[in-house]
mmCIF file of all heavy atoms, coordinates in Angstrom:
data_MODEL
# 
_entry.id   MODEL 
# 
loop_
_atom_site.group_PDB 
_atom_site.id 
_atom_site.type_symbol 
_atom_site.label_atom_id 
_atom_site.label_alt_id 
_atom_site.label_comp_id 
_atom_site.label_asym_id 
_atom_site.label_entity_id 
_atom_site.label_seq_id 
_atom_site.pdbx_PDB_ins_code 
_atom_site.Cartn_x 
_atom_site.Cartn_y 
_atom_site.Cartn_z 
_atom_site.occupancy 
_atom_site.B_iso_or_equiv 
_atom_site.pdbx_formal_charge 
_atom_site.auth_seq_id 
_atom_site.auth_comp_id 
_atom_site.auth_asym_id 
_atom_site.auth_atom_id 
_atom_site.pdbx_PDB_model_num 
ATOM 1   N N   . GLY A 1 1  ? -11.212 10.127 -4.363 1.00 0.00 ? 1  GLY A N   1 
ATOM 2   C CA  . GLY A 1 1  ? -10.952 8.732  -4.031 1.00 0.00 ? 1  GLY A CA  1 
ATOM 3   C C   . GLY A 1 1  ? -10.339 8.568  -2.655 1.00 0.00 ? 1  GLY A C   1 
ATOM 4   O O   . GLY A 1 1  ? -10.457 9.435  -1.779 1.00 0.00 ? 1  GLY A O   1 
ATOM 5   N N   . THR A 1 2  ? -9.660  7.450  -2.458 1.00 0.00 ? 2  THR A N   1 
ATOM 6   C CA  . THR A 1 2  ? -9.005  7.154  -1.181 1.00 0.00 ? 2  THR A CA  1 
ATOM 7   C C   . THR A 1 2  ? -7.883  8.154  -0.941 1.00 0.00 ? 2  THR A C   1 
ATOM 8   O O   . THR A 1 2  ? -7.108  8.448  -1.859 1.00 0.00 ? 2  THR A O   1 
ATOM 9   C CB  . THR A 1 2  ? -8.429  5.728  -1.200 1.00 0.00 ? 2  THR A CB  1 
ATOM 10  O OG1 . THR A 1 2  ? -9.485  4.801  -1.475 1.00 0.00 ? 2  THR A OG1 1 
ATOM 11  C CG2 . THR A 1 2  ? -7.782  5.383  0.135  1.00 0.00 ? 2  THR A CG2 1 
ATOM 12  N N   . PRO A 1 3  ? -7.767  8.696  0.270  1.00 0.00 ? 3  PRO A N   1 
ATOM 13  C CA  . PRO A 1 3  ? -6.688  9.652  0.555  1.00 0.00 ? 3  PRO A CA  1 
ATOM 14  C C   . PRO A 1 3  ? -5.315  9.030  0.296  1.00 0.00 ? 3  PRO A C   1 
ATOM 15  O O   . PRO A 1 3  ? -5.122  7.817  0.442  1.00 0.00 ? 3  PRO A O   1 
ATOM 16  C CB  . PRO A 1 3  ? -6.884  9.975  2.041  1.00 0.00 ? 3  PRO A CB  1 
ATOM 17  C CG  . PRO A 1 3  ? -8.308  9.648  2.330  1.00 0.00 ? 3  PRO A CG  1 
ATOM 18  C CD  . PRO A 1 3  ? -8.663  8.502  1.434  1.00 0.00 ? 3  PRO A CD  1 
ATOM 19  N N   . LEU A 1 4  ? -4.366  9.860  -0.055 1.00 0.00 ? 4  LEU A N   1 
ATOM 20  C CA  . LEU A 1 4  ? -3.014  9.389  -0.332 1.00 0.00 ? 4  LEU A CA  1 
ATOM 21  C C   . LEU A 1 4  ? -2.252  9.062  0.937  1.00 0.00 ? 4  LEU A C   1 
ATOM 22  O O   . LEU A 1 4  ? -1.231  8.366  0.889  1.00 0.00 ? 4  LEU A O   1 
ATOM 23  C CB  . LEU A 1 4  ? -2.243  10.448 -1.126 1.00 0.00 ? 4  LEU A CB  1 
ATOM 24  C CG  . LEU A 1 4  ? -2.836  10.868 -2.475 1.00 0.00 ? 4  LEU A CG  1 
ATOM 25  C CD1 . LEU A 1 4  ? -1.938  11.904 -3.130 1.00 0.00 ? 4  LEU A CD1 1 
ATOM 26  C CD2 . LEU A 1 4  ? -3.023  9.653  -3.369 1.00 0.00 ? 4  LEU A CD2 1 
ATOM 27  N N   . PHE A 1 5  ? -2.700  9.576  2.090  1.00 0.00 ? 5  PHE A N   1 
ATOM 28  C CA  . PHE A 1 5  ? -1.986  9.391  3.343  1.00 0.00 ? 5  PHE A CA  1 
ATOM 29  C C   . PHE A 1 5  ? -2.964  8.982  4.445  1.00 0.00 ? 5  PHE A C   1 
ATOM 30  O O   . PHE A 1 5  ? -4.143  9.341  4.408  1.00 0.00 ? 5  PHE A O   1 
ATOM 31  C CB  . PHE A 1 5  ? -1.297  10.697 3.770  1.00 0.00 ? 5  PHE A CB  1 
ATOM 32  C CG  . PHE A 1 5  ? -0.323  11.242 2.779  1.00 0.00 ? 5  PHE A CG  1 
ATOM 33  C CD1 . PHE A 1 5  ? -0.700  12.259 1.916  1.00 0.00 ? 5  PHE A CD1 1 
ATOM 34  C CD2 . PHE A 1 5  ? 0.966   10.740 2.703  1.00 0.00 ? 5  PHE A CD2 1 
ATOM 35  C CE1 . PHE A 1 5  ? 0.199   12.779 1.000  1.00 0.00 ? 5  PHE A CE1 1 
ATOM 36  C CE2 . PHE A 1 5  ? 1.865   11.252 1.780  1.00 0.00 ? 5  PHE A CE2 1 
ATOM 37  C CZ  . PHE A 1 5  ? 1.486   12.268 0.929  1.00 0.00 ? 5  PHE A CZ  1 
ATOM 38  N N   . PRO A 1 6  ? -2.476  8.259  5.459  1.00 0.00 ? 6  PRO A N   1 
ATOM 39  C CA  . PRO A 1 6  ? -3.313  8.030  6.634  1.00 0.00 ? 6  PRO A CA  1 
ATOM 40  C C   . PRO A 1 6  ? -3.511  9.350  7.382  1.00 0.00 ? 6  PRO A C   1 
ATOM 41  O O   . PRO A 1 6  ? -2.643  10.229 7.330  1.00 0.00 ? 6  PRO A O   1 
ATOM 42  C CB  . PRO A 1 6  ? -2.485  7.038  7.465  1.00 0.00 ? 6  PRO A CB  1 
ATOM 43  C CG  . PRO A 1 6  ? -1.070  7.239  7.017  1.00 0.00 ? 6  PRO A CG  1 
ATOM 44  C CD  . PRO A 1 6  ? -1.157  7.611  5.566  1.00 0.00 ? 6  PRO A CD  1 
ATOM 45  N N   . ALA A 1 7  ? -4.641  9.496  8.042  1.00 0.00 ? 7  ALA A N   1 
ATOM 46  C CA  . ALA A 1 7  ? -4.970  10.742 8.747  1.00 0.00 ? 7  ALA A CA  1 
ATOM 47  C C   . ALA A 1 7  ? -4.672  11.936 7.844  1.00 0.00 ? 7  ALA A C   1 
ATOM 48  O O   . ALA A 1 7  ? -3.844  12.793 8.164  1.00 0.00 ? 7  ALA A O   1 
ATOM 49  C CB  . ALA A 1 7  ? -4.192  10.850 10.050 1.00 0.00 ? 7  ALA A CB  1 
ATOM 50  N N   . PRO A 1 8  ? -5.328  12.019 6.680  1.00 0.00 ? 8  PRO A N   1 
ATOM 51  C CA  . PRO A 1 8  ? -4.954  13.027 5.678  1.00 0.00 ? 8  PRO A CA  1 
ATOM 52  C C   . PRO A 1 8  ? -5.042  14.460 6.177  1.00 0.00 ? 8  PRO A C   1 
ATOM 53  O O   . PRO A 1 8  ? -4.277  15.320 5.741  1.00 0.00 ? 8  PRO A O   1 
ATOM 54  C CB  . PRO A 1 8  ? -5.947  12.769 4.541  1.00 0.00 ? 8  PRO A CB  1 
ATOM 55  C CG  . PRO A 1 8  ? -7.094  12.044 5.169  1.00 0.00 ? 8  PRO A CG  1 
ATOM 56  C CD  . PRO A 1 8  ? -6.482  11.202 6.241  1.00 0.00 ? 8  PRO A CD  1 
ATOM 57  N N   . HIS A 1 9  ? -5.962  14.745 7.104  1.00 0.00 ? 9  HIS A N   1 
ATOM 58  C CA  . HIS A 1 9  ? -6.094  16.115 7.605  1.00 0.00 ? 9  HIS A CA  1 
ATOM 59  C C   . HIS A 1 9  ? -4.906  16.529 8.459  1.00 0.00 ? 9  HIS A C   1 
ATOM 60  O O   . HIS A 1 9  ? -4.751  17.720 8.767  1.00 0.00 ? 9  HIS A O   1 
ATOM 61  C CB  . HIS A 1 9  ? -7.388  16.241 8.418  1.00 0.00 ? 9  HIS A CB  1 
ATOM 62  C CG  . HIS A 1 9  ? -7.469  15.303 9.581  1.00 0.00 ? 9  HIS A CG  1 
ATOM 63  N ND1 . HIS A 1 9  ? -7.635  13.951 9.429  1.00 0.00 ? 9  HIS A ND1 1 
ATOM 64  C CD2 . HIS A 1 9  ? -7.390  15.532 10.923 1.00 0.00 ? 9  HIS A CD2 1 
ATOM 65  C CE1 . HIS A 1 9  ? -7.667  13.374 10.623 1.00 0.00 ? 9  HIS A CE1 1 
ATOM 66  N NE2 . HIS A 1 9  ? -7.518  14.300 11.537 1.00 0.00 ? 9  HIS A NE2 1 
ATOM 67  N N   . LYS A 1 10 ? -4.072  15.568 8.847  1.00 0.00 ? 10 LYS A N   1 
ATOM 68  C CA  . LYS A 1 10 ? -2.903  15.875 9.667  1.00 0.00 ? 10 LYS A CA  1 
ATOM 69  C C   . LYS A 1 10 ? -1.619  15.998 8.836  1.00 0.00 ? 10 LYS A C   1 
ATOM 70  O O   . LYS A 1 10 ? -0.551  16.256 9.398  1.00 0.00 ? 10 LYS A O   1 
ATOM 71  C CB  . LYS A 1 10 ? -2.698  14.794 10.732 1.00 0.00 ? 10 LYS A CB  1 
ATOM 72  C CG  . LYS A 1 10 ? -3.812  14.729 11.776 1.00 0.00 ? 10 LYS A CG  1 
ATOM 73  C CD  . LYS A 1 10 ? -3.547  13.622 12.785 1.00 0.00 ? 10 LYS A CD  1 
ATOM 74  C CE  . LYS A 1 10 ? -4.639  13.556 13.843 1.00 0.00 ? 10 LYS A CE  1 
ATOM 75  N NZ  . LYS A 1 10 ? -4.594  14.716 14.739 1.00 0.00 ? 10 LYS A NZ  1 
ATOM 76  N N   . ARG A 1 11 ? -1.704  15.798 7.536  1.00 0.00 ? 11 ARG A N   1 
ATOM 77  C CA  . ARG A 1 11 ? -0.505  15.851 6.678  1.00 0.00 ? 11 ARG A CA  1 
ATOM 78  C C   . ARG A 1 11 ? -0.347  17.264 6.126  1.00 0.00 ? 11 ARG A C   1 
ATOM 79  O O   . ARG A 1 11 ? -1.133  17.722 5.290  1.00 0.00 ? 11 ARG A O   1 
ATOM 80  C CB  . ARG A 1 11 ? -0.624  14.842 5.541  1.00 0.00 ? 11 ARG A CB  1 
ATOM 81  C CG  . ARG A 1 11 ? 0.612   14.755 4.632  1.00 0.00 ? 11 ARG A CG  1 
ATOM 82  C CD  . ARG A 1 11 ? 1.820   14.240 5.352  1.00 0.00 ? 11 ARG A CD  1 
ATOM 83  N NE  . ARG A 1 11 ? 1.636   12.912 5.895  1.00 0.00 ? 11 ARG A NE  1 
ATOM 84  C CZ  . ARG A 1 11 ? 2.361   11.852 5.599  1.00 0.00 ? 11 ARG A CZ  1 
ATOM 85  N NH1 . ARG A 1 11 ? 3.356   11.964 4.744  1.00 0.00 ? 11 ARG A NH1 1 
ATOM 86  N NH2 . ARG A 1 11 ? 2.128   10.683 6.180  1.00 0.00 ? 11 ARG A NH2 1 
ATOM 87  N N   . ASP A 1 12 ? 0.667   17.978 6.597  1.00 0.00 ? 12 ASP A N   1 
ATOM 88  C CA  . ASP A 1 12 ? 0.887   19.352 6.152  1.00 0.00 ? 12 ASP A CA  1 
ATOM 89  C C   . ASP A 1 12 ? 1.099   19.405 4.644  1.00 0.00 ? 12 ASP A C   1 
ATOM 90  O O   . ASP A 1 12 ? 1.865   18.612 4.083  1.00 0.00 ? 12 ASP A O   1 
ATOM 91  C CB  . ASP A 1 12 ? 2.124   19.946 6.852  1.00 0.00 ? 12 ASP A CB  1 
ATOM 92  C CG  . ASP A 1 12 ? 1.923   20.122 8.352  1.00 0.00 ? 12 ASP A CG  1 
ATOM 93  O OD1 . ASP A 1 12 ? 0.758   20.195 8.775  1.00 0.00 ? 12 ASP A OD1 1 
ATOM 94  O OD2 . ASP A 1 12 ? 2.926   20.173 9.082  1.00 0.00 ? 12 ASP A OD2 1 
ATOM 95  N N   . GLY A 1 13 ? 0.421   20.337 3.995  1.00 0.00 ? 13 GLY A N   1 
ATOM 96  C CA  . GLY A 1 13 ? 0.592   20.522 2.562  1.00 0.00 ? 13 GLY A CA  1 
ATOM 97  C C   . GLY A 1 13 ? -0.259  19.640 1.692  1.00 0.00 ? 13 GLY A C   1 
ATOM 98  O O   . GLY A 1 13 ? -0.257  19.789 0.467  1.00 0.00 ? 13 GLY A O   1 
ATOM 99  N N   . TYR A 1 14 ? -1.012  18.707 2.303  1.00 0.00 ? 14 TYR A N   1 
ATOM 100 C CA  . TYR A 1 14 ? -1.899  17.830 1.542  1.00 0.00 ? 14 TYR A CA  1 
ATOM 101 C C   . TYR A 1 14 ? -3.341  18.271 1.768  1.00 0.00 ? 14 TYR A C   1 
ATOM 102 O O   . TYR A 1 14 ? -3.860  18.195 2.889  1.00 0.00 ? 14 TYR A O   1 
ATOM 103 C CB  . TYR A 1 14 ? -1.714  16.372 1.968  1.00 0.00 ? 14 TYR A CB  1 
ATOM 104 C CG  . TYR A 1 14 ? -2.660  15.407 1.277  1.00 0.00 ? 14 TYR A CG  1 
ATOM 105 C CD1 . TYR A 1 14 ? -2.630  15.249 -0.108 1.00 0.00 ? 14 TYR A CD1 1 
ATOM 106 C CD2 . TYR A 1 14 ? -3.580  14.653 2.015  1.00 0.00 ? 14 TYR A CD2 1 
ATOM 107 C CE1 . TYR A 1 14 ? -3.498  14.363 -0.738 1.00 0.00 ? 14 TYR A CE1 1 
ATOM 108 C CE2 . TYR A 1 14 ? -4.442  13.761 1.389  1.00 0.00 ? 14 TYR A CE2 1 
ATOM 109 C CZ  . TYR A 1 14 ? -4.398  13.626 0.011  1.00 0.00 ? 14 TYR A CZ  1 
ATOM 110 O OH  . TYR A 1 14 ? -5.254  12.755 -0.617 1.00 0.00 ? 14 TYR A OH  1 
ATOM 111 N N   . LEU A 1 15 ? -3.979  18.744 0.721  1.00 0.00 ? 15 LEU A N   1 
ATOM 112 C CA  . LEU A 1 15 ? -5.326  19.285 0.796  1.00 0.00 ? 15 LEU A CA  1 
ATOM 113 C C   . LEU A 1 15 ? -6.264  18.429 -0.049 1.00 0.00 ? 15 LEU A C   1 
ATOM 114 O O   . LEU A 1 15 ? -5.912  18.013 -1.155 1.00 0.00 ? 15 LEU A O   1 
ATOM 115 C CB  . LEU A 1 15 ? -5.345  20.729 0.290  1.00 0.00 ? 15 LEU A CB  1 
ATOM 116 C CG  . LEU A 1 15 ? -4.294  21.665 0.912  1.00 0.00 ? 15 LEU A CG  1 
ATOM 117 C CD1 . LEU A 1 15 ? -4.289  22.998 0.191  1.00 0.00 ? 15 LEU A CD1 1 
ATOM 118 C CD2 . LEU A 1 15 ? -4.553  21.852 2.390  1.00 0.00 ? 15 LEU A CD2 1 
ATOM 119 N N   . ARG A 1 16 ? -7.455  18.176 0.484  1.00 0.00 ? 16 ARG A N   1 
ATOM 120 C CA  . ARG A 1 16 ? -8.429  17.352 -0.236 1.00 0.00 ? 16 ARG A CA  1 
ATOM 121 C C   . ARG A 1 16 ? -9.769  18.065 -0.289 1.00 0.00 ? 16 ARG A C   1 
ATOM 122 O O   . ARG A 1 16 ? -10.112 18.841 0.607  1.00 0.00 ? 16 ARG A O   1 
ATOM 123 C CB  . ARG A 1 16 ? -8.635  16.003 0.451  1.00 0.00 ? 16 ARG A CB  1 
ATOM 124 C CG  . ARG A 1 16 ? -7.441  15.106 0.507  1.00 0.00 ? 16 ARG A CG  1 
ATOM 125 C CD  . ARG A 1 16 ? -7.799  13.804 1.220  1.00 0.00 ? 16 ARG A CD  1 
ATOM 126 N NE  . ARG A 1 16 ? -8.668  12.964 0.411  1.00 0.00 ? 16 ARG A NE  1 
ATOM 127 C CZ  . ARG A 1 16 ? -9.817  12.449 0.818  1.00 0.00 ? 16 ARG A CZ  1 
ATOM 128 N NH1 . ARG A 1 16 ? -10.292 12.734 2.018  1.00 0.00 ? 16 ARG A NH1 1 
ATOM 129 N NH2 . ARG A 1 16 ? -10.534 11.670 0.026  1.00 0.00 ? 16 ARG A NH2 1 
ATOM 130 N N   . ALA A 1 17 ? -10.537 17.775 -1.324 1.00 0.00 ? 17 ALA A N   1 
ATOM 131 C CA  . ALA A 1 17 ? -11.906 18.282 -1.420 1.00 0.00 ? 17 ALA A CA  1 
ATOM 132 C C   . ALA A 1 17 ? -12.702 17.356 -2.315 1.00 0.00 ? 17 ALA A C   1 
ATOM 133 O O   . ALA A 1 17 ? -12.165 16.745 -3.254 1.00 0.00 ? 17 ALA A O   1 
ATOM 134 C CB  . ALA A 1 17 ? -11.928 19.704 -1.970 1.00 0.00 ? 17 ALA A CB  1 
ATOM 135 N N   . ASP A 1 18 ? -13.979 17.261 -2.023 1.00 0.00 ? 18 ASP A N   1 
ATOM 136 C CA  . ASP A 1 18 ? -14.892 16.476 -2.861 1.00 0.00 ? 18 ASP A CA  1 
ATOM 137 C C   . ASP A 1 18 ? -15.094 17.219 -4.178 1.00 0.00 ? 18 ASP A C   1 
ATOM 138 O O   . ASP A 1 18 ? -15.593 18.355 -4.187 1.00 0.00 ? 18 ASP A O   1 
ATOM 139 C CB  . ASP A 1 18 ? -16.226 16.302 -2.127 1.00 0.00 ? 18 ASP A CB  1 
ATOM 140 C CG  . ASP A 1 18 ? -17.238 15.490 -2.911 1.00 0.00 ? 18 ASP A CG  1 
ATOM 141 O OD1 . ASP A 1 18 ? -16.966 15.160 -4.085 1.00 0.00 ? 18 ASP A OD1 1 
ATOM 142 O OD2 . ASP A 1 18 ? -18.307 15.201 -2.352 1.00 0.00 ? 18 ASP A OD2 1 
ATOM 143 N N   . PRO A 1 19 ? -14.716 16.637 -5.300 1.00 0.00 ? 19 PRO A N   1 
ATOM 144 C CA  . PRO A 1 19 ? -14.837 17.339 -6.585 1.00 0.00 ? 19 PRO A CA  1 
ATOM 145 C C   . PRO A 1 19 ? -16.282 17.683 -6.945 1.00 0.00 ? 19 PRO A C   1 
ATOM 146 O O   . PRO A 1 19 ? -16.512 18.563 -7.784 1.00 0.00 ? 19 PRO A O   1 
ATOM 147 C CB  . PRO A 1 19 ? -14.226 16.370 -7.588 1.00 0.00 ? 19 PRO A CB  1 
ATOM 148 C CG  . PRO A 1 19 ? -14.329 15.024 -6.939 1.00 0.00 ? 19 PRO A CG  1 
ATOM 149 C CD  . PRO A 1 19 ? -14.173 15.274 -5.471 1.00 0.00 ? 19 PRO A CD  1 
ATOM 150 N N   . ALA A 1 20 ? -17.255 17.027 -6.309 1.00 0.00 ? 20 ALA A N   1 
ATOM 151 C CA  . ALA A 1 20 ? -18.666 17.315 -6.588 1.00 0.00 ? 20 ALA A CA  1 
ATOM 152 C C   . ALA A 1 20 ? -19.202 18.467 -5.748 1.00 0.00 ? 20 ALA A C   1 
ATOM 153 O O   . ALA A 1 20 ? -20.350 18.866 -5.916 1.00 0.00 ? 20 ALA A O   1 
ATOM 154 C CB  . ALA A 1 20 ? -19.513 16.063 -6.335 1.00 0.00 ? 20 ALA A CB  1 
ATOM 155 N N   . ASP A 1 21 ? -18.367 19.011 -4.857 1.00 0.00 ? 21 ASP A N   1 
ATOM 156 C CA  . ASP A 1 21 ? -18.779 20.102 -3.975 1.00 0.00 ? 21 ASP A CA  1 
ATOM 157 C C   . ASP A 1 21 ? -18.011 21.369 -4.359 1.00 0.00 ? 21 ASP A C   1 
ATOM 158 O O   . ASP A 1 21 ? -16.869 21.553 -3.937 1.00 0.00 ? 21 ASP A O   1 
ATOM 159 C CB  . ASP A 1 21 ? -18.506 19.727 -2.520 1.00 0.00 ? 21 ASP A CB  1 
ATOM 160 C CG  . ASP A 1 21 ? -19.008 20.773 -1.528 1.00 0.00 ? 21 ASP A CG  1 
ATOM 161 O OD1 . ASP A 1 21 ? -19.283 21.910 -1.948 1.00 0.00 ? 21 ASP A OD1 1 
ATOM 162 O OD2 . ASP A 1 21 ? -19.104 20.448 -0.318 1.00 0.00 ? 21 ASP A OD2 1 
ATOM 163 N N   . PRO A 1 22 ? -18.610 22.258 -5.162 1.00 0.00 ? 22 PRO A N   1 
ATOM 164 C CA  . PRO A 1 22 ? -17.891 23.449 -5.627 1.00 0.00 ? 22 PRO A CA  1 
ATOM 165 C C   . PRO A 1 22 ? -17.368 24.329 -4.492 1.00 0.00 ? 22 PRO A C   1 
ATOM 166 O O   . PRO A 1 22 ? -16.283 24.909 -4.597 1.00 0.00 ? 22 PRO A O   1 
ATOM 167 C CB  . PRO A 1 22 ? -18.941 24.194 -6.467 1.00 0.00 ? 22 PRO A CB  1 
ATOM 168 C CG  . PRO A 1 22 ? -19.932 23.153 -6.863 1.00 0.00 ? 22 PRO A CG  1 
ATOM 169 C CD  . PRO A 1 22 ? -19.974 22.176 -5.727 1.00 0.00 ? 22 PRO A CD  1 
ATOM 170 N N   . LEU A 1 23 ? -18.134 24.433 -3.405 1.00 0.00 ? 23 LEU A N   1 
ATOM 171 C CA  . LEU A 1 23 ? -17.698 25.267 -2.291 1.00 0.00 ? 23 LEU A CA  1 
ATOM 172 C C   . LEU A 1 23 ? -16.457 24.678 -1.618 1.00 0.00 ? 23 LEU A C   1 
ATOM 173 O O   . LEU A 1 23 ? -15.516 25.406 -1.289 1.00 0.00 ? 23 LEU A O   1 
ATOM 174 C CB  . LEU A 1 23 ? -18.829 25.423 -1.269 1.00 0.00 ? 23 LEU A CB  1 
ATOM 175 C CG  . LEU A 1 23 ? -18.528 26.336 -0.070 1.00 0.00 ? 23 LEU A CG  1 
ATOM 176 C CD1 . LEU A 1 23 ? -18.168 27.739 -0.548 1.00 0.00 ? 23 LEU A CD1 1 
ATOM 177 C CD2 . LEU A 1 23 ? -19.722 26.378 0.885  1.00 0.00 ? 23 LEU A CD2 1 
ATOM 178 N N   . ALA A 1 24 ? -16.451 23.348 -1.433 1.00 0.00 ? 24 ALA A N   1 
ATOM 179 C CA  . ALA A 1 24 ? -15.295 22.695 -0.839 1.00 0.00 ? 24 ALA A CA  1 
ATOM 180 C C   . ALA A 1 24 ? -14.062 22.837 -1.728 1.00 0.00 ? 24 ALA A C   1 
ATOM 181 O O   . ALA A 1 24 ? -12.950 23.061 -1.237 1.00 0.00 ? 24 ALA A O   1 
ATOM 182 C CB  . ALA A 1 24 ? -15.595 21.218 -0.585 1.00 0.00 ? 24 ALA A CB  1 
ATOM 183 N N   . VAL A 1 25 ? -14.250 22.728 -3.038 1.00 0.00 ? 25 VAL A N   1 
ATOM 184 C CA  . VAL A 1 25 ? -13.138 22.903 -3.969 1.00 0.00 ? 25 VAL A CA  1 
ATOM 185 C C   . VAL A 1 25 ? -12.593 24.327 -3.888 1.00 0.00 ? 25 VAL A C   1 
ATOM 186 O O   . VAL A 1 25 ? -11.380 24.551 -3.848 1.00 0.00 ? 25 VAL A O   1 
ATOM 187 C CB  . VAL A 1 25 ? -13.571 22.561 -5.404 1.00 0.00 ? 25 VAL A CB  1 
ATOM 188 C CG1 . VAL A 1 25 ? -12.473 22.937 -6.402 1.00 0.00 ? 25 VAL A CG1 1 
ATOM 189 C CG2 . VAL A 1 25 ? -13.906 21.080 -5.531 1.00 0.00 ? 25 VAL A CG2 1 
ATOM 190 N N   . ALA A 1 26 ? -13.501 25.305 -3.846 1.00 0.00 ? 26 ALA A N   1 
ATOM 191 C CA  . ALA A 1 26 ? -13.073 26.709 -3.759 1.00 0.00 ? 26 ALA A CA  1 
ATOM 192 C C   . ALA A 1 26 ? -12.285 26.960 -2.478 1.00 0.00 ? 26 ALA A C   1 
ATOM 193 O O   . ALA A 1 26 ? -11.268 27.664 -2.482 1.00 0.00 ? 26 ALA A O   1 
ATOM 194 C CB  . ALA A 1 26 ? -14.285 27.627 -3.830 1.00 0.00 ? 26 ALA A CB  1 
ATOM 195 N N   . ASP A 1 27 ? -12.735 26.365 -1.358 1.00 0.00 ? 27 ASP A N   1 
ATOM 196 C CA  . ASP A 1 27 ? -12.015 26.531 -0.091 1.00 0.00 ? 27 ASP A CA  1 
ATOM 197 C C   . ASP A 1 27 ? -10.628 25.905 -0.170 1.00 0.00 ? 27 ASP A C   1 
ATOM 198 O O   . ASP A 1 27 ? -9.651  26.485 0.319  1.00 0.00 ? 27 ASP A O   1 
ATOM 199 C CB  . ASP A 1 27 ? -12.808 25.877 1.054  1.00 0.00 ? 27 ASP A CB  1 
ATOM 200 C CG  . ASP A 1 27 ? -14.054 26.664 1.433  1.00 0.00 ? 27 ASP A CG  1 
ATOM 201 O OD1 . ASP A 1 27 ? -14.147 27.847 1.039  1.00 0.00 ? 27 ASP A OD1 1 
ATOM 202 O OD2 . ASP A 1 27 ? -14.928 26.101 2.117  1.00 0.00 ? 27 ASP A OD2 1 
# 
């Protein structure tokens, strides 16, 4: 869904992945 933070890739310790993408989840 919507990221929990603005600029989510810049928030240390906050990791996101598309649940429909197994490779992204594994990473």
